Amino acid sequence: QPVSIVLHNFCGDEYWDELVSGVKKGLAELNLTHLSITGSTESNFTMK
């Protein structure tokens, strides 16, 4: 049974909330909206 989610973002700070929204969509389908989401963003360098 899932207890936590870790998100790794290499797309940029400005996209963090949108990425989180996709995870939350999946959690809602599983009735697990109470689970925590943590993670990190690569903000020092921009990828193509």
All heavy atoms as atom14 arrays in JSON, in Angstrom:
{
  "sequence": "QPVSIVLHNFCGDEYWDELVSGVKKGLAELNLTHLSITGSTESNFTMK",
  "atom14_mask": [
    [1, 1, 1, 1, 1, 1, 1, 1, 1, 0, 0, 0, 0, 0],
    [1, 1, 1, 1, 1, 1, 1, 0, 0, 0, 0, 0, 0, 0],
    [1, 1, 1, 1, 1, 1, 1, 0, 0, 0, 0, 0, 0, 0],
    [1, 1, 1, 1, 1, 1, 0, 0, 0, 0, 0, 0, 0, 0],
    [1, 1, 1, 1, 1, 1, 1, 1, 0, 0, 0, 0, 0, 0],
    [1, 1, 1, 1, 1, 1, 1, 0, 0, 0, 0, 0, 0, 0],
    [1, 1, 1, 1, 1, 1, 1, 1, 0, 0, 0, 0, 0, 0],
    [1, 1, 1, 1, 1, 1, 1, 1, 1, 1, 0, 0, 0, 0],
    [1, 1, 1, 1, 1, 1, 1, 1, 0, 0, 0, 0, 0, 0],
    [1, 1, 1, 1, 1, 1, 1, 1, 1, 1, 1, 0, 0, 0],
    [1, 1, 1, 1, 1, 1, 0, 0, 0, 0, 0, 0, 0, 0],
    [1, 1, 1, 1, 0, 0, 0, 0, 0, 0, 0, 0, 0, 0],
    [1, 1, 1, 1, 1, 1, 1, 1, 0, 0, 0, 0, 0, 0],
    [1, 1, 1, 1, 1, 1, 1, 1, 1, 0, 0, 0, 0, 0],
    [1, 1, 1, 1, 1, 1, 1, 1, 1, 1, 1, 1, 0, 0],
    [1, 1, 1, 1, 1, 1, 1, 1, 1, 1, 1, 1, 1, 1],
    [1, 1, 1, 1, 1, 1, 1, 1, 0, 0, 0, 0, 0, 0],
    [1, 1, 1, 1, 1, 1, 1, 1, 1, 0, 0, 0, 0, 0],
    [1, 1, 1, 1, 1, 1, 1, 1, 0, 0, 0, 0, 0, 0],
    [1, 1, 1, 1, 1, 1, 1, 0, 0, 0, 0, 0, 0, 0],
    [1, 1, 1, 1, 1, 1, 0, 0, 0, 0, 0, 0, 0, 0],
    [1, 1, 1, 1, 0, 0, 0, 0, 0, 0, 0, 0, 0, 0],
    [1, 1, 1, 1, 1, 1, 1, 0, 0, 0, 0, 0, 0, 0],
    [1, 1, 1, 1, 1, 1, 1, 1, 1, 0, 0, 0, 0, 0],
    [1, 1, 1, 1, 1, 1, 1, 1, 1, 0, 0, 0, 0, 0],
    [1, 1, 1, 1, 0, 0, 0, 0, 0, 0, 0, 0, 0, 0],
    [1, 1, 1, 1, 1, 1, 1, 1, 0, 0, 0, 0, 0, 0],
    [1, 1, 1, 1, 1, 0, 0, 0, 0, 0, 0, 0, 0, 0],
    [1, 1, 1, 1, 1, 1, 1, 1, 1, 0, 0, 0, 0, 0],
    [1, 1, 1, 1, 1, 1, 1, 1, 0, 0, 0, 0, 0, 0],
    [1, 1, 1, 1, 1, 1, 1, 1, 0, 0, 0, 0, 0, 0],
    [1, 1, 1, 1, 1, 1, 1, 1, 0, 0, 0, 0, 0, 0],
    [1, 1, 1, 1, 1, 1, 1, 0, 0, 0, 0, 0, 0, 0],
    [1, 1, 1, 1, 1, 1, 1, 1, 1, 1, 0, 0, 0, 0],
    [1, 1, 1, 1, 1, 1, 1, 1, 0, 0, 0, 0, 0, 0],
    [1, 1, 1, 1, 1, 1, 0, 0, 0, 0, 0, 0, 0, 0],
    [1, 1, 1, 1, 1, 1, 1, 1, 0, 0, 0, 0, 0, 0],
    [1, 1, 1, 1, 1, 1, 1, 0, 0, 0, 0, 0, 0, 0],
    [1, 1, 1, 1, 0, 0, 0, 0, 0, 0, 0, 0, 0, 0],
    [1, 1, 1, 1, 1, 1, 0, 0, 0, 0, 0, 0, 0, 0],
    [1, 1, 1, 1, 1, 1, 1, 0, 0, 0, 0, 0, 0, 0],
    [1, 1, 1, 1, 1, 1, 1, 1, 1, 0, 0, 0, 0, 0],
    [1, 1, 1, 1, 1, 1, 0, 0, 0, 0, 0, 0, 0, 0],
    [1, 1, 1, 1, 1, 1, 1, 1, 0, 0, 0, 0, 0, 0],
    [1, 1, 1, 1, 1, 1, 1, 1, 1, 1, 1, 0, 0, 0],
    [1, 1, 1, 1, 1, 1, 1, 0, 0, 0, 0, 0, 0, 0],
    [1, 1, 1, 1, 1, 1, 1, 1, 0, 0, 0, 0, 0, 0],
    [1, 1, 1, 1, 1, 1, 1, 1, 1, 0, 0, 0, 0, 0]
  ],
  "atom14_positions": [
    [[0.85, -1.18, 0.0], [0.0, 0.0, 0.0], [0.89, 1.24, 0.0], [1.73, 1.4, 0.89], [-0.92, 0.01, 1.22], [-2.08, -0.95, 1.1], [-2.96, -0.66, -0.11], [-3.43, 0.46, -0.29], [-3.19, -1.66, -0.94], [0.0, 0.0, 0.0], [0.0, 0.0, 0.0], [0.0, 0.0, 0.0], [0.0, 0.0, 0.0], [0.0, 0.0, 0.0]],
    [[0.74, 2.14, -0.98], [1.59, 3.33, -1.05], [1.47, 4.2, 0.19], [0.37, 4.36, 0.73], [1.06, 4.06, -2.29], [0.39, 2.99, -3.1], [-0.19, 2.04, -2.1], [0.0, 0.0, 0.0], [0.0, 0.0, 0.0], [0.0, 0.0, 0.0], [0.0, 0.0, 0.0], [0.0, 0.0, 0.0], [0.0, 0.0, 0.0], [0.0, 0.0, 0.0]],
    [[2.61, 4.77, 0.62], [2.6, 5.66, 1.78], [3.21, 7.02, 1.48], [2.97, 7.98, 2.2], [3.33, 5.02, 2.99], [2.59, 3.79, 3.47], [4.78, 4.69, 2.65], [0.0, 0.0, 0.0], [0.0, 0.0, 0.0], [0.0, 0.0, 0.0], [0.0, 0.0, 0.0], [0.0, 0.0, 0.0], [0.0, 0.0, 0.0], [0.0, 0.0, 0.0]],
    [[4.01, 7.14, 0.4], [4.63, 8.42, 0.07], [5.13, 8.42, -1.36], [5.39, 7.35, -1.93], [5.79, 8.72, 1.03], [6.23, 10.05, 0.86], [0.0, 0.0, 0.0], [0.0, 0.0, 0.0], [0.0, 0.0, 0.0], [0.0, 0.0, 0.0], [0.0, 0.0, 0.0], [0.0, 0.0, 0.0], [0.0, 0.0, 0.0], [0.0, 0.0, 0.0]],
    [[5.26, 9.62, -1.93], [5.73, 9.78, -3.31], [6.87, 10.79, -3.36], [6.82, 11.83, -2.7], [4.58, 10.25, -4.24], [3.47, 9.2, -4.3], [5.09, 10.51, -5.65], [2.4, 9.37, -3.28], [0.0, 0.0, 0.0], [0.0, 0.0, 0.0], [0.0, 0.0, 0.0], [0.0, 0.0, 0.0], [0.0, 0.0, 0.0], [0.0, 0.0, 0.0]],
    [[7.88, 10.48, -4.16], [9.01, 11.38, -4.38], [9.05, 11.74, -5.87], [9.03, 10.86, -6.72], [10.34, 10.73, -3.96], [11.48, 11.73, -4.13], [10.27, 10.22, -2.53], [0.0, 0.0, 0.0], [0.0, 0.0, 0.0], [0.0, 0.0, 0.0], [0.0, 0.0, 0.0], [0.0, 0.0, 0.0], [0.0, 0.0, 0.0], [0.0, 0.0, 0.0]],
    [[9.1, 13.04, -6.15], [9.07, 13.53, -7.53], [10.4, 14.19, -7.87], [10.87, 15.07, -7.14], [7.92, 14.54, -7.68], [7.77, 15.29, -9.0], [7.5, 14.31, -10.14], [6.65, 16.32, -8.89], [0.0, 0.0, 0.0], [0.0, 0.0, 0.0], [0.0, 0.0, 0.0], [0.0, 0.0, 0.0], [0.0, 0.0, 0.0], [0.0, 0.0, 0.0]],
    [[11.02, 13.78, -8.99], [12.27, 14.36, -9.46], [11.99, 15.16, -10.73], [11.57, 14.6, -11.75], [13.3, 13.27, -9.75], [13.61, 12.41, -8.57], [14.39, 12.83, -7.52], [13.23, 11.14, -8.26], [14.48, 11.87, -6.63], [13.78, 10.83, -7.05], [0.0, 0.0, 0.0], [0.0, 0.0, 0.0], [0.0, 0.0, 0.0], [0.0, 0.0, 0.0]],
    [[12.23, 16.47, -10.66], [11.87, 17.38, -11.74], [13.11, 17.98, -12.4], [13.87, 18.72, -11.76], [10.98, 18.5, -11.16], [10.76, 19.63, -12.14], [10.8, 19.45, -13.35], [10.51, 20.82, -11.6], [0.0, 0.0, 0.0], [0.0, 0.0, 0.0], [0.0, 0.0, 0.0], [0.0, 0.0, 0.0], [0.0, 0.0, 0.0], [0.0, 0.0, 0.0]],
    [[13.32, 17.66, -13.67], [14.43, 18.24, -14.44], [13.91, 19.16, -15.53], [14.62, 19.47, -16.48], [15.27, 17.12, -15.06], [15.91, 16.21, -14.04], [15.25, 15.08, -13.6], [17.16, 16.5, -13.52], [15.83, 14.24, -12.65], [17.75, 15.67, -12.58], [17.08, 14.54, -12.15], [0.0, 0.0, 0.0], [0.0, 0.0, 0.0], [0.0, 0.0, 0.0]],
    [[12.65, 19.6, -15.39], [12.01, 20.42, -16.42], [12.09, 21.92, -16.12], [11.96, 22.74, -17.02], [10.53, 20.02, -16.57], [10.28, 18.27, -16.89], [0.0, 0.0, 0.0], [0.0, 0.0, 0.0], [0.0, 0.0, 0.0], [0.0, 0.0, 0.0], [0.0, 0.0, 0.0], [0.0, 0.0, 0.0], [0.0, 0.0, 0.0], [0.0, 0.0, 0.0]],
    [[12.28, 22.26, -14.84], [12.34, 23.66, -14.44], [11.38, 23.97, -13.32], [10.33, 23.33, -13.18], [0.0, 0.0, 0.0], [0.0, 0.0, 0.0], [0.0, 0.0, 0.0], [0.0, 0.0, 0.0], [0.0, 0.0, 0.0], [0.0, 0.0, 0.0], [0.0, 0.0, 0.0], [0.0, 0.0, 0.0], [0.0, 0.0, 0.0], [0.0, 0.0, 0.0]],
    [[11.75, 24.97, -12.49], [10.93, 25.36, -11.34], [9.49, 25.7, -11.72], [8.55, 25.38, -10.98], [11.55, 26.6, -10.66], [12.49, 26.22, -9.53], [12.26, 25.18, -8.9], [13.45, 26.97, -9.3], [0.0, 0.0, 0.0], [0.0, 0.0, 0.0], [0.0, 0.0, 0.0], [0.0, 0.0, 0.0], [0.0, 0.0, 0.0], [0.0, 0.0, 0.0]],
    [[9.32, 26.34, -12.87], [8.01, 26.83, -13.26], [7.01, 25.71, -13.53], [5.8, 25.95, -13.64], [8.11, 27.75, -14.47], [8.59, 27.09, -15.77], [10.1, 27.1, -15.95], [10.82, 26.99, -14.94], [10.54, 27.21, -17.11], [0.0, 0.0, 0.0], [0.0, 0.0, 0.0], [0.0, 0.0, 0.0], [0.0, 0.0, 0.0], [0.0, 0.0, 0.0]],
    [[7.51, 24.48, -13.67], [6.62, 23.36, -13.99], [6.33, 22.45, -12.8], [5.63, 21.46, -12.94], [7.23, 22.53, -15.14], [7.43, 23.31, -16.41], [8.7, 23.52, -16.93], [6.35, 23.87, -17.08], [8.89, 24.24, -18.09], [6.52, 24.6, -18.25], [7.81, 24.79, -18.75], [7.98, 25.51, -19.9], [0.0, 0.0, 0.0], [0.0, 0.0, 0.0]],
    [[6.87, 22.79, -11.63], [6.69, 21.93, -10.47], [5.21, 21.68, -10.14], [4.79, 20.54, -9.95], [7.4, 22.52, -9.25], [7.15, 21.75, -7.99], [6.26, 22.04, -7.0], [7.78, 20.52, -7.6], [6.3, 21.09, -6.0], [7.22, 20.14, -6.35], [8.76, 19.71, -8.16], [7.61, 18.99, -5.67], [9.14, 18.56, -7.49], [8.57, 18.22, -6.26]],
    [[4.43, 22.74, -10.06], [3.02, 22.6, -9.68], [2.25, 21.74, -10.67], [1.38, 20.95, -10.28], [2.35, 23.98, -9.56], [2.83, 24.76, -8.35], [3.42, 24.14, -7.43], [2.63, 25.99, -8.32], [0.0, 0.0, 0.0], [0.0, 0.0, 0.0], [0.0, 0.0, 0.0], [0.0, 0.0, 0.0], [0.0, 0.0, 0.0], [0.0, 0.0, 0.0]],
    [[2.56, 21.89, -11.95], [1.86, 21.09, -12.96], [2.24, 19.62, -12.83], [1.4, 18.73, -12.98], [2.18, 21.6, -14.37], [1.32, 20.95, -15.45], [1.55, 21.52, -16.82], [2.32, 22.49, -16.96], [0.96, 20.98, -17.77], [0.0, 0.0, 0.0], [0.0, 0.0, 0.0], [0.0, 0.0, 0.0], [0.0, 0.0, 0.0], [0.0, 0.0, 0.0]],
    [[3.51, 19.34, -12.55], [3.94, 17.96, -12.35], [3.26, 17.36, -11.11], [2.8, 16.22, -11.14], [5.46, 17.89, -12.2], [6.27, 18.16, -13.46], [7.74, 18.38, -13.13], [6.12, 17.0, -14.45], [0.0, 0.0, 0.0], [0.0, 0.0, 0.0], [0.0, 0.0, 0.0], [0.0, 0.0, 0.0], [0.0, 0.0, 0.0], [0.0, 0.0, 0.0]],
    [[3.18, 18.14, -10.05], [2.49, 17.66, -8.84], [1.02, 17.36, -9.14], [0.45, 16.39, -8.63], [2.62, 18.69, -7.7], [1.68, 18.35, -6.55], [4.06, 18.75, -7.2], [0.0, 0.0, 0.0], [0.0, 0.0, 0.0], [0.0, 0.0, 0.0], [0.0, 0.0, 0.0], [0.0, 0.0, 0.0], [0.0, 0.0, 0.0], [0.0, 0.0, 0.0]],
    [[0.41, 18.18, -9.99], [-1.01, 17.98, -10.3], [-1.25, 16.64, -10.98], [-2.29, 16.0, -10.79], [-1.55, 19.12, -11.17], [-1.04, 19.06, -12.49], [0.0, 0.0, 0.0], [0.0, 0.0, 0.0], [0.0, 0.0, 0.0], [0.0, 0.0, 0.0], [0.0, 0.0, 0.0], [0.0, 0.0, 0.0], [0.0, 0.0, 0.0], [0.0, 0.0, 0.0]],
    [[-0.29, 16.19, -11.8], [-0.42, 14.88, -12.45], [-0.36, 13.75, -11.45], [-1.12, 12.77, -11.54], [0.0, 0.0, 0.0], [0.0, 0.0, 0.0], [0.0, 0.0, 0.0], [0.0, 0.0, 0.0], [0.0, 0.0, 0.0], [0.0, 0.0, 0.0], [0.0, 0.0, 0.0], [0.0, 0.0, 0.0], [0.0, 0.0, 0.0], [0.0, 0.0, 0.0]],
    [[0.54, 13.86, -10.47], [0.62, 12.85, -9.41], [-0.67, 12.85, -8.59], [-1.22, 11.79, -8.26], [1.84, 13.09, -8.51], [1.85, 12.1, -7.36], [3.14, 12.99, -9.31], [0.0, 0.0, 0.0], [0.0, 0.0, 0.0], [0.0, 0.0, 0.0], [0.0, 0.0, 0.0], [0.0, 0.0, 0.0], [0.0, 0.0, 0.0], [0.0, 0.0, 0.0]],
    [[-1.16, 14.04, -8.29], [-2.4, 14.13, -7.5], [-3.59, 13.54, -8.25], [-4.5, 12.96, -7.63], [-2.68, 15.59, -7.14], [-1.76, 16.13, -6.05], [-2.14, 17.55, -5.66], [-1.31, 18.04, -4.48], [-1.67, 19.42, -4.08], [0.0, 0.0, 0.0], [0.0, 0.0, 0.0], [0.0, 0.0, 0.0], [0.0, 0.0, 0.0], [0.0, 0.0, 0.0]],
    [[-3.59, 13.66, -9.56], [-4.66, 13.05, -10.35], [-4.65, 11.54, -10.15], [-5.7, 10.92, -9.95], [-4.47, 13.38, -11.83], [-5.47, 12.7, -12.75], [-5.16, 12.96, -14.21], [-6.1, 12.16, -15.12], [-5.75, 12.31, -16.55], [0.0, 0.0, 0.0], [0.0, 0.0, 0.0], [0.0, 0.0, 0.0], [0.0, 0.0, 0.0], [0.0, 0.0, 0.0]],
    [[-3.46, 10.93, -10.2], [-3.36, 9.49, -9.97], [-3.76, 9.1, -8.56], [-4.45, 8.1, -8.35], [0.0, 0.0, 0.0], [0.0, 0.0, 0.0], [0.0, 0.0, 0.0], [0.0, 0.0, 0.0], [0.0, 0.0, 0.0], [0.0, 0.0, 0.0], [0.0, 0.0, 0.0], [0.0, 0.0, 0.0], [0.0, 0.0, 0.0], [0.0, 0.0, 0.0]],
    [[-3.35, 9.88, -7.58], [-3.71, 9.61, -6.19], [-5.22, 9.68, -5.99], [-5.8, 8.87, -5.25], [-3.01, 10.6, -5.26], [-1.5, 10.42, -5.08], [-0.92, 11.59, -4.3], [-1.18, 9.1, -4.39], [0.0, 0.0, 0.0], [0.0, 0.0, 0.0], [0.0, 0.0, 0.0], [0.0, 0.0, 0.0], [0.0, 0.0, 0.0], [0.0, 0.0, 0.0]],
    [[-5.86, 10.63, -6.66], [-7.32, 10.75, -6.54], [-8.02, 9.52, -7.1], [-9.02, 9.06, -6.53], [-7.79, 12.01, -7.27], [0.0, 0.0, 0.0], [0.0, 0.0, 0.0], [0.0, 0.0, 0.0], [0.0, 0.0, 0.0], [0.0, 0.0, 0.0], [0.0, 0.0, 0.0], [0.0, 0.0, 0.0], [0.0, 0.0, 0.0], [0.0, 0.0, 0.0]],
    [[-7.49, 8.95, -8.18], [-8.08, 7.75, -8.77], [-7.96, 6.56, -7.83], [-8.73, 5.6, -7.94], [-7.43, 7.45, -10.12], [-7.76, 8.48, -11.18], [-7.05, 8.23, -12.49], [-6.35, 7.19, -12.62], [-7.18, 9.06, -13.41], [0.0, 0.0, 0.0], [0.0, 0.0, 0.0], [0.0, 0.0, 0.0], [0.0, 0.0, 0.0], [0.0, 0.0, 0.0]],
    [[-7.0, 6.61, -6.93], [-6.78, 5.52, -5.98], [-7.35, 5.84, -4.59], [-7.17, 5.05, -3.66], [-5.28, 5.25, -5.85], [-4.57, 4.78, -7.13], [-3.06, 4.74, -6.91], [-5.07, 3.41, -7.57], [0.0, 0.0, 0.0], [0.0, 0.0, 0.0], [0.0, 0.0, 0.0], [0.0, 0.0, 0.0], [0.0, 0.0, 0.0], [0.0, 0.0, 0.0]],
    [[-8.0, 6.98, -4.47], [-8.51, 7.44, -3.16], [-7.39, 7.54, -2.13], [-7.55, 7.15, -0.96], [-9.62, 6.51, -2.66], [-10.87, 6.57, -3.51], [-11.31, 7.66, -3.9], [-11.43, 5.43, -3.83], [0.0, 0.0, 0.0], [0.0, 0.0, 0.0], [0.0, 0.0, 0.0], [0.0, 0.0, 0.0], [0.0, 0.0, 0.0], [0.0, 0.0, 0.0]],
    [[-6.26, 8.08, -2.57], [-5.09, 8.23, -1.7], [-4.64, 9.69, -1.64], [-3.45, 9.99, -1.58], [-3.93, 7.36, -2.2], [-4.14, 5.85, -2.15], [-2.98, 5.12, -2.82], [-4.29, 5.37, -0.71], [0.0, 0.0, 0.0], [0.0, 0.0, 0.0], [0.0, 0.0, 0.0], [0.0, 0.0, 0.0], [0.0, 0.0, 0.0], [0.0, 0.0, 0.0]],
    [[-5.59, 10.6, -1.64], [-5.26, 12.02, -1.7], [-4.56, 12.52, -0.44], [-4.01, 13.62, -0.42], [-6.53, 12.87, -1.93], [-7.51, 12.51, -0.94], [-7.11, 12.58, -3.32], [0.0, 0.0, 0.0], [0.0, 0.0, 0.0], [0.0, 0.0, 0.0], [0.0, 0.0, 0.0], [0.0, 0.0, 0.0], [0.0, 0.0, 0.0], [0.0, 0.0, 0.0]],
    [[-4.56, 11.72, 0.62], [-3.9, 12.13, 1.87], [-2.39, 11.91, 1.84], [-1.68, 12.4, 2.72], [-4.48, 11.33, 3.03], [-4.25, 9.85, 2.91], [-4.96, 9.05, 2.05], [-3.36, 9.03, 3.54], [-4.54, 7.81, 2.15], [-3.57, 7.76, 3.04], [0.0, 0.0, 0.0], [0.0, 0.0, 0.0], [0.0, 0.0, 0.0], [0.0, 0.0, 0.0]],
    [[-1.88, 11.22, 0.85], [-0.45, 10.9, 0.82], [0.4, 12.13, 0.53], [0.01, 13.01, -0.25], [-0.15, 9.82, -0.22], [-0.73, 8.44, 0.04], [-0.13, 7.42, -0.91], [-0.52, 7.99, 1.47], [0.0, 0.0, 0.0], [0.0, 0.0, 0.0], [0.0, 0.0, 0.0], [0.0, 0.0, 0.0], [0.0, 0.0, 0.0], [0.0, 0.0, 0.0]],
    [[1.59, 12.17, 1.13], [2.5, 13.29, 0.94], [3.3, 13.15, -0.34], [3.6, 12.03, -0.79], [3.46, 13.4, 2.13], [4.24, 12.22, 2.24], [0.0, 0.0, 0.0], [0.0, 0.0, 0.0], [0.0, 0.0, 0.0], [0.0, 0.0, 0.0], [0.0, 0.0, 0.0], [0.0, 0.0, 0.0], [0.0, 0.0, 0.0], [0.0, 0.0, 0.0]],
    [[3.63, 14.28, -0.94], [4.48, 14.32, -2.14], [5.67, 15.22, -1.82], [5.51, 16.38, -1.44], [3.73, 14.9, -3.35], [2.47, 14.09, -3.64], [4.64, 14.93, -4.58], [1.56, 14.71, -4.68], [0.0, 0.0, 0.0], [0.0, 0.0, 0.0], [0.0, 0.0, 0.0], [0.0, 0.0, 0.0], [0.0, 0.0, 0.0], [0.0, 0.0, 0.0]],
    [[6.87, 14.68, -1.95], [8.08, 15.48, -1.78], [8.93, 15.34, -3.04], [8.53, 14.66, -3.99], [8.87, 15.02, -0.53], [9.94, 15.94, -0.31], [9.43, 13.62, -0.7], [0.0, 0.0, 0.0], [0.0, 0.0, 0.0], [0.0, 0.0, 0.0], [0.0, 0.0, 0.0], [0.0, 0.0, 0.0], [0.0, 0.0, 0.0], [0.0, 0.0, 0.0]],
    [[10.08, 15.99, -3.07], [10.93, 15.86, -4.25], [11.89, 17.01, -4.4], [12.1, 17.8, -3.47], [0.0, 0.0, 0.0], [0.0, 0.0, 0.0], [0.0, 0.0, 0.0], [0.0, 0.0, 0.0], [0.0, 0.0, 0.0], [0.0, 0.0, 0.0], [0.0, 0.0, 0.0], [0.0, 0.0, 0.0], [0.0, 0.0, 0.0], [0.0, 0.0, 0.0]],
    [[12.46, 17.13, -5.6], [13.48, 18.13, -5.86], [13.44, 18.56, -7.32], [13.0, 17.8, -8.18], [14.87, 17.55, -5.52], [15.88, 18.47, -5.78], [0.0, 0.0, 0.0], [0.0, 0.0, 0.0], [0.0, 0.0, 0.0], [0.0, 0.0, 0.0], [0.0, 0.0, 0.0], [0.0, 0.0, 0.0], [0.0, 0.0, 0.0], [0.0, 0.0, 0.0]],
    [[13.89, 19.8, -7.56], [13.96, 20.35, -8.91], [15.38, 20.72, -9.26], [16.08, 21.33, -8.43], [13.07, 21.6, -9.03], [11.7, 21.23, -8.83], [13.21, 22.25, -10.41], [0.0, 0.0, 0.0], [0.0, 0.0, 0.0], [0.0, 0.0, 0.0], [0.0, 0.0, 0.0], [0.0, 0.0, 0.0], [0.0, 0.0, 0.0], [0.0, 0.0, 0.0]],
    [[15.83, 20.37, -10.45], [17.11, 20.85, -10.96], [16.91, 22.29, -11.42], [16.28, 22.55, -12.45], [17.58, 19.98, -12.12], [18.79, 20.52, -12.88], [19.97, 20.79, -11.97], [20.66, 19.83, -11.59], [20.19, 21.97, -11.63], [0.0, 0.0, 0.0], [0.0, 0.0, 0.0], [0.0, 0.0, 0.0], [0.0, 0.0, 0.0], [0.0, 0.0, 0.0]],
    [[17.39, 23.24, -10.6], [17.19, 24.66, -10.91], [18.49, 25.39, -11.25], [18.46, 26.58, -11.58], [16.48, 25.35, -9.74], [17.21, 25.17, -8.54], [0.0, 0.0, 0.0], [0.0, 0.0, 0.0], [0.0, 0.0, 0.0], [0.0, 0.0, 0.0], [0.0, 0.0, 0.0], [0.0, 0.0, 0.0], [0.0, 0.0, 0.0], [0.0, 0.0, 0.0]],
    [[19.61, 24.7, -11.15], [20.89, 25.34, -11.48], [21.17, 25.37, -12.98], [21.83, 26.28, -13.47], [22.04, 24.6, -10.78], [22.0, 24.75, -9.28], [21.93, 25.86, -8.77], [22.02, 23.63, -8.57], [0.0, 0.0, 0.0], [0.0, 0.0, 0.0], [0.0, 0.0, 0.0], [0.0, 0.0, 0.0], [0.0, 0.0, 0.0], [0.0, 0.0, 0.0]],
    [[20.64, 24.37, -13.69], [20.9, 24.28, -15.12], [19.59, 24.02, -15.86], [18.69, 23.38, -15.35], [21.89, 23.14, -15.42], [23.2, 23.3, -14.69], [23.45, 22.59, -13.52], [24.18, 24.17, -15.16], [24.63, 22.74, -12.84], [25.37, 24.32, -14.48], [25.6, 23.61, -13.32], [0.0, 0.0, 0.0], [0.0, 0.0, 0.0], [0.0, 0.0, 0.0]],
    [[19.53, 24.52, -17.1], [18.34, 24.34, -17.93], [18.61, 23.27, -18.98], [19.61, 23.34, -19.7], [17.96, 25.66, -18.63], [17.71, 26.66, -17.64], [16.72, 25.47, -19.49], [0.0, 0.0, 0.0], [0.0, 0.0, 0.0], [0.0, 0.0, 0.0], [0.0, 0.0, 0.0], [0.0, 0.0, 0.0], [0.0, 0.0, 0.0], [0.0, 0.0, 0.0]],
    [[17.72, 22.29, -19.05], [17.87, 21.21, -20.02], [17.02, 21.49, -21.26], [15.97, 22.12, -21.18], [17.46, 19.89, -19.38], [18.33, 19.49, -18.2], [17.78, 17.97, -17.38], [18.0, 16.78, -18.7], [0.0, 0.0, 0.0], [0.0, 0.0, 0.0], [0.0, 0.0, 0.0], [0.0, 0.0, 0.0], [0.0, 0.0, 0.0], [0.0, 0.0, 0.0]],
    [[17.5, 21.0, -22.4], [16.79, 21.22, -23.66], [15.63, 20.26, -23.84], [14.74, 20.49, -24.65], [17.76, 21.09, -24.84], [18.79, 22.21, -24.9], [19.66, 22.1, -26.13], [20.65, 23.27, -26.21], [21.51, 23.19, -27.42], [0.0, 0.0, 0.0], [0.0, 0.0, 0.0], [0.0, 0.0, 0.0], [0.0, 0.0, 0.0], [0.0, 0.0, 0.0]]
  ]
}
